[in-house]
């Protein structure tokens, strides 16, 4: 009889953790959904700016003194912001609650 009580307590503790994680996932989902437009807009803008600076630095002769490491870092930041723009919606779908189905438009 004592063993059943321990098992019951363990099941209840797991259920409480599941409820807490569901609540946290729902909060994260709503925060990500609320700032979606801002994140997508800024990531597009910053990616375009980084690529524009990179190609400007590579083609202009007066910027040839800029180290190659700086040019590569600008290119990498452009790629990172592009990836954020592409995969942000997948992150939103990852935190989507189980009983909710959404469709995101660009």
N, C-alpha and C. Protein backbone atom coordinates (compact mmCIF):
# COMPACT_ATOMS: atom_id res chain seq x y z
N UNK A 1 0.81 -1.18 0.00
CA UNK A 1 0.00 0.00 0.00
C UNK A 1 0.87 1.26 0.00
N UNK A 2 1.98 1.21 0.71
CA UNK A 2 2.88 2.36 0.75
C UNK A 2 3.51 2.59 -0.62
N UNK A 3 3.78 1.52 -1.34
CA UNK A 3 4.38 1.63 -2.67
C UNK A 3 3.44 2.34 -3.64
N UNK A 4 2.17 2.09 -3.57
CA UNK A 4 1.20 2.75 -4.45
C UNK A 4 1.19 4.26 -4.21
N UNK A 5 1.36 4.68 -2.96
CA UNK A 5 1.37 6.10 -2.66
C UNK A 5 2.59 6.78 -3.28
N UNK A 6 3.74 6.09 -3.23
CA UNK A 6 4.94 6.66 -3.86
C UNK A 6 4.75 6.80 -5.36
N UNK A 7 4.19 5.77 -5.99
CA UNK A 7 3.94 5.82 -7.43
C UNK A 7 2.96 6.93 -7.77
N UNK A 8 1.95 7.10 -6.94
CA UNK A 8 0.96 8.15 -7.17
C UNK A 8 1.61 9.52 -7.05
N UNK A 9 2.49 9.68 -6.06
CA UNK A 9 3.18 10.96 -5.91
C UNK A 9 4.08 11.24 -7.11
N UNK A 10 4.76 10.20 -7.60
CA UNK A 10 5.65 10.38 -8.75
C UNK A 10 4.84 10.79 -9.99
N UNK A 11 3.71 10.16 -10.20
CA UNK A 11 2.86 10.50 -11.34
C UNK A 11 2.35 11.94 -11.21
N UNK A 12 1.96 12.33 -10.01
CA UNK A 12 1.47 13.69 -9.80
C UNK A 12 2.58 14.72 -10.01
N UNK A 13 3.79 14.41 -9.58
CA UNK A 13 4.91 15.32 -9.80
C UNK A 13 5.21 15.47 -11.29
N UNK A 14 5.18 14.37 -12.03
CA UNK A 14 5.40 14.44 -13.47
C UNK A 14 4.30 15.25 -14.15
N UNK A 15 3.07 15.07 -13.70
CA UNK A 15 1.96 15.81 -14.29
C UNK A 15 2.11 17.30 -14.02
N UNK A 16 2.53 17.67 -12.81
CA UNK A 16 2.73 19.08 -12.49
C UNK A 16 3.86 19.68 -13.33
N UNK A 17 4.94 18.94 -13.53
CA UNK A 17 6.02 19.43 -14.39
C UNK A 17 5.53 19.60 -15.81
N UNK A 18 4.70 18.67 -16.29
CA UNK A 18 4.15 18.78 -17.63
C UNK A 18 3.27 20.00 -17.78
N UNK A 19 2.48 20.30 -16.76
CA UNK A 19 1.61 21.47 -16.80
C UNK A 19 2.46 22.74 -16.81
N UNK A 20 3.51 22.77 -16.00
CA UNK A 20 4.40 23.94 -15.96
C UNK A 20 5.09 24.14 -17.31
N UNK A 21 5.57 23.07 -17.93
CA UNK A 21 6.23 23.19 -19.22
C UNK A 21 5.26 23.63 -20.30
N UNK A 22 4.03 23.15 -20.24
CA UNK A 22 3.02 23.58 -21.20
C UNK A 22 2.76 25.07 -21.06
N UNK A 23 2.70 25.55 -19.83
CA UNK A 23 2.48 26.97 -19.58
C UNK A 23 3.64 27.80 -20.11
N UNK A 24 4.87 27.35 -19.86
CA UNK A 24 6.06 28.07 -20.32
C UNK A 24 6.12 28.08 -21.85
N UNK A 25 5.82 26.94 -22.48
CA UNK A 25 5.81 26.88 -23.94
C UNK A 25 4.77 27.83 -24.52
N UNK A 26 3.61 27.90 -23.87
CA UNK A 26 2.55 28.78 -24.36
C UNK A 26 2.97 30.26 -24.24
N UNK A 27 3.62 30.61 -23.14
CA UNK A 27 4.09 31.98 -22.95
C UNK A 27 5.14 32.33 -24.02
N UNK A 28 6.11 31.43 -24.24
CA UNK A 28 7.14 31.67 -25.25
C UNK A 28 6.52 31.79 -26.63
N UNK A 29 5.54 30.93 -26.93
CA UNK A 29 4.86 30.98 -28.22
C UNK A 29 4.21 32.34 -28.45
N UNK A 30 3.50 32.85 -27.45
CA UNK A 30 2.80 34.12 -27.62
C UNK A 30 3.78 35.30 -27.71
N UNK A 31 4.88 35.22 -26.99
CA UNK A 31 5.90 36.29 -27.10
C UNK A 31 6.52 36.27 -28.49
N UNK A 32 6.90 35.09 -28.98
CA UNK A 32 7.49 34.99 -30.32
C UNK A 32 6.51 35.45 -31.39
N UNK A 33 5.24 35.12 -31.23
CA UNK A 33 4.24 35.52 -32.20
C UNK A 33 3.99 37.03 -32.16
N UNK A 34 4.07 37.61 -30.97
CA UNK A 34 3.83 39.05 -30.82
C UNK A 34 4.93 39.89 -31.47
N UNK A 35 6.17 39.43 -31.39
CA UNK A 35 7.29 40.22 -31.93
C UNK A 35 7.74 39.73 -33.31
N UNK A 36 6.94 38.89 -33.95
CA UNK A 36 7.32 38.28 -35.22
C UNK A 36 7.59 39.32 -36.30
N UNK A 37 6.69 40.27 -36.47
CA UNK A 37 6.86 41.28 -37.52
C UNK A 37 8.12 42.10 -37.31
N UNK A 38 8.40 42.47 -36.07
CA UNK A 38 9.58 43.27 -35.76
C UNK A 38 10.85 42.50 -36.07
N UNK A 39 10.90 41.24 -35.63
CA UNK A 39 12.09 40.42 -35.84
C UNK A 39 12.32 40.18 -37.33
N UNK A 40 11.26 39.85 -38.06
CA UNK A 40 11.42 39.60 -39.50
C UNK A 40 11.85 40.86 -40.24
N UNK A 41 11.28 41.99 -39.87
CA UNK A 41 11.65 43.24 -40.53
C UNK A 41 13.09 43.63 -40.28
N UNK A 42 13.49 43.58 -39.02
CA UNK A 42 14.87 43.95 -38.68
C UNK A 42 15.88 42.95 -39.25
N UNK A 43 15.54 41.67 -39.25
CA UNK A 43 16.50 40.69 -39.79
C UNK A 43 16.68 40.88 -41.30
N UNK A 44 15.60 41.19 -42.01
CA UNK A 44 15.74 41.48 -43.45
C UNK A 44 16.59 42.72 -43.68
N UNK A 45 16.30 43.75 -42.91
CA UNK A 45 17.03 45.01 -43.07
C UNK A 45 18.52 44.84 -42.76
N UNK A 46 18.82 44.16 -41.67
CA UNK A 46 20.22 43.96 -41.29
C UNK A 46 20.95 43.03 -42.25
N UNK A 47 20.26 41.99 -42.74
CA UNK A 47 20.88 41.09 -43.71
C UNK A 47 21.21 41.84 -45.00
N UNK A 48 20.26 42.64 -45.48
CA UNK A 48 20.51 43.43 -46.68
C UNK A 48 21.66 44.40 -46.47
N UNK A 49 21.69 45.05 -45.31
CA UNK A 49 22.76 46.00 -45.01
C UNK A 49 24.12 45.33 -44.94
N UNK A 50 24.18 44.16 -44.33
CA UNK A 50 25.46 43.44 -44.24
C UNK A 50 25.95 43.00 -45.62
N UNK A 51 25.05 42.46 -46.44
CA UNK A 51 25.46 42.04 -47.77
C UNK A 51 25.86 43.24 -48.64
N UNK A 52 25.14 44.34 -48.50
CA UNK A 52 25.48 45.55 -49.25
C UNK A 52 26.86 46.06 -48.84
N UNK A 53 27.14 46.08 -47.52
CA UNK A 53 28.46 46.52 -47.05
C UNK A 53 29.56 45.58 -47.52
N UNK A 54 29.29 44.28 -47.46
CA UNK A 54 30.29 43.30 -47.89
C UNK A 54 30.64 43.49 -49.36
N UNK A 55 29.64 43.57 -50.20
CA UNK A 55 29.93 43.72 -51.63
C UNK A 55 30.53 45.10 -51.93
N UNK A 56 30.13 46.10 -51.17
CA UNK A 56 30.75 47.42 -51.33
C UNK A 56 32.21 47.40 -50.94
N UNK A 57 32.53 46.72 -49.84
CA UNK A 57 33.93 46.63 -49.41
C UNK A 57 34.77 45.81 -50.39
N UNK A 58 34.17 44.81 -51.02
CA UNK A 58 34.93 43.98 -51.94
C UNK A 58 35.17 44.67 -53.28
N UNK A 59 34.27 45.54 -53.70
CA UNK A 59 34.40 46.11 -55.04
C UNK A 59 35.06 47.49 -55.07
N UNK A 60 34.90 48.29 -54.05
CA UNK A 60 35.47 49.64 -54.05
C UNK A 60 36.97 49.58 -53.79
N UNK A 61 37.72 50.31 -54.57
CA UNK A 61 39.19 50.27 -54.44
C UNK A 61 39.67 51.05 -53.22
N UNK A 62 38.91 52.04 -52.76
CA UNK A 62 39.38 52.81 -51.60
C UNK A 62 39.20 52.04 -50.28
N UNK A 63 38.46 50.93 -50.31
CA UNK A 63 38.29 50.12 -49.10
C UNK A 63 39.16 48.87 -49.10
N UNK A 64 40.17 48.83 -49.94
CA UNK A 64 41.03 47.65 -50.01
C UNK A 64 41.89 47.49 -48.76
N UNK A 65 42.04 48.56 -47.97
CA UNK A 65 42.87 48.47 -46.76
C UNK A 65 42.12 47.81 -45.59
N UNK A 66 40.82 47.60 -45.73
CA UNK A 66 40.05 46.93 -44.68
C UNK A 66 40.47 45.47 -44.63
N UNK A 67 40.78 44.96 -43.42
CA UNK A 67 41.24 43.57 -43.32
C UNK A 67 40.18 42.57 -43.82
N UNK A 68 40.65 41.47 -44.34
CA UNK A 68 39.76 40.43 -44.85
C UNK A 68 38.89 39.84 -43.75
N UNK A 69 39.41 39.80 -42.52
CA UNK A 69 38.65 39.25 -41.39
C UNK A 69 37.38 40.06 -41.16
N UNK A 70 37.47 41.37 -41.26
CA UNK A 70 36.31 42.24 -41.09
C UNK A 70 35.29 41.98 -42.20
N UNK A 71 35.76 41.82 -43.41
CA UNK A 71 34.86 41.55 -44.53
C UNK A 71 34.15 40.22 -44.35
N UNK A 72 34.87 39.21 -43.90
CA UNK A 72 34.26 37.89 -43.68
C UNK A 72 33.26 37.95 -42.53
N UNK A 73 33.57 38.71 -41.48
CA UNK A 73 32.63 38.84 -40.36
C UNK A 73 31.34 39.51 -40.81
N UNK A 74 31.44 40.51 -41.66
CA UNK A 74 30.23 41.17 -42.18
C UNK A 74 29.41 40.17 -43.00
N UNK A 75 30.07 39.36 -43.80
CA UNK A 75 29.38 38.35 -44.59
C UNK A 75 28.70 37.32 -43.67
N UNK A 76 29.38 36.88 -42.62
CA UNK A 76 28.81 35.91 -41.69
C UNK A 76 27.59 36.49 -40.97
N UNK A 77 27.65 37.76 -40.55
CA UNK A 77 26.50 38.39 -39.93
C UNK A 77 25.32 38.47 -40.91
N UNK A 78 25.60 38.75 -42.17
CA UNK A 78 24.54 38.75 -43.18
C UNK A 78 23.89 37.39 -43.32
N UNK A 79 24.69 36.34 -43.30
CA UNK A 79 24.15 34.98 -43.39
C UNK A 79 23.33 34.65 -42.15
N UNK A 80 23.81 35.04 -40.97
CA UNK A 80 23.07 34.77 -39.72
C UNK A 80 21.71 35.47 -39.74
N UNK A 81 21.67 36.73 -40.15
CA UNK A 81 20.39 37.44 -40.19
C UNK A 81 19.46 36.87 -41.25
N UNK A 82 20.01 36.36 -42.34
CA UNK A 82 19.18 35.70 -43.35
C UNK A 82 18.59 34.41 -42.79
N UNK A 83 19.38 33.65 -42.05
CA UNK A 83 18.87 32.41 -41.44
C UNK A 83 17.80 32.71 -40.40
N UNK A 84 17.96 33.77 -39.63
CA UNK A 84 16.92 34.17 -38.69
C UNK A 84 15.63 34.48 -39.44
N UNK A 85 15.75 35.17 -40.54
CA UNK A 85 14.57 35.52 -41.33
C UNK A 85 13.89 34.26 -41.88
N UNK A 86 14.66 33.29 -42.32
CA UNK A 86 14.09 32.09 -42.91
C UNK A 86 13.49 31.15 -41.87
N UNK A 87 14.15 30.99 -40.72
CA UNK A 87 13.74 29.95 -39.78
C UNK A 87 13.00 30.45 -38.55
N UNK A 88 12.65 31.71 -38.49
CA UNK A 88 11.93 32.24 -37.33
C UNK A 88 10.54 31.60 -37.22
N UNK A 89 9.88 31.40 -38.34
CA UNK A 89 8.55 30.78 -38.31
C UNK A 89 8.62 29.33 -37.82
N UNK A 90 9.68 28.62 -38.15
CA UNK A 90 9.84 27.26 -37.64
C UNK A 90 9.98 27.26 -36.12
N UNK A 91 10.65 28.27 -35.59
CA UNK A 91 10.76 28.40 -34.14
C UNK A 91 9.39 28.66 -33.51
N UNK A 92 8.59 29.50 -34.16
CA UNK A 92 7.23 29.75 -33.66
C UNK A 92 6.42 28.47 -33.69
N UNK A 93 6.50 27.70 -34.77
CA UNK A 93 5.77 26.44 -34.86
C UNK A 93 6.25 25.42 -33.84
N UNK A 94 7.53 25.46 -33.48
CA UNK A 94 8.06 24.53 -32.48
C UNK A 94 7.39 24.74 -31.13
N UNK A 95 7.13 25.99 -30.76
CA UNK A 95 6.51 26.30 -29.47
C UNK A 95 4.99 26.37 -29.55
N UNK A 96 4.41 26.02 -30.68
CA UNK A 96 2.96 26.05 -30.83
C UNK A 96 2.29 25.08 -29.86
N UNK A 97 1.27 25.54 -29.13
CA UNK A 97 0.57 24.63 -28.21
C UNK A 97 -0.11 23.49 -28.96
N UNK A 98 -0.32 22.39 -28.27
CA UNK A 98 -0.84 21.18 -28.91
C UNK A 98 -2.26 21.36 -29.44
N UNK A 99 -3.08 22.12 -28.76
CA UNK A 99 -4.49 22.23 -29.16
C UNK A 99 -4.75 23.45 -30.05
N UNK A 100 -3.71 24.03 -30.63
CA UNK A 100 -3.85 25.22 -31.45
C UNK A 100 -3.15 25.01 -32.78
N UNK A 101 -3.84 25.29 -33.86
CA UNK A 101 -3.25 25.21 -35.20
C UNK A 101 -3.29 26.61 -35.81
N UNK A 102 -2.13 27.08 -36.27
CA UNK A 102 -2.07 28.43 -36.82
C UNK A 102 -1.47 28.38 -38.22
N UNK A 103 -1.72 29.45 -38.96
CA UNK A 103 -1.12 29.65 -40.28
C UNK A 103 -0.48 31.02 -40.27
N UNK A 104 0.79 31.08 -40.64
CA UNK A 104 1.51 32.35 -40.64
C UNK A 104 1.66 32.84 -42.07
N UNK A 105 1.39 34.11 -42.29
CA UNK A 105 1.53 34.73 -43.60
C UNK A 105 2.70 35.69 -43.58
N UNK A 106 3.35 35.82 -44.70
CA UNK A 106 4.47 36.76 -44.81
C UNK A 106 3.99 38.09 -45.30
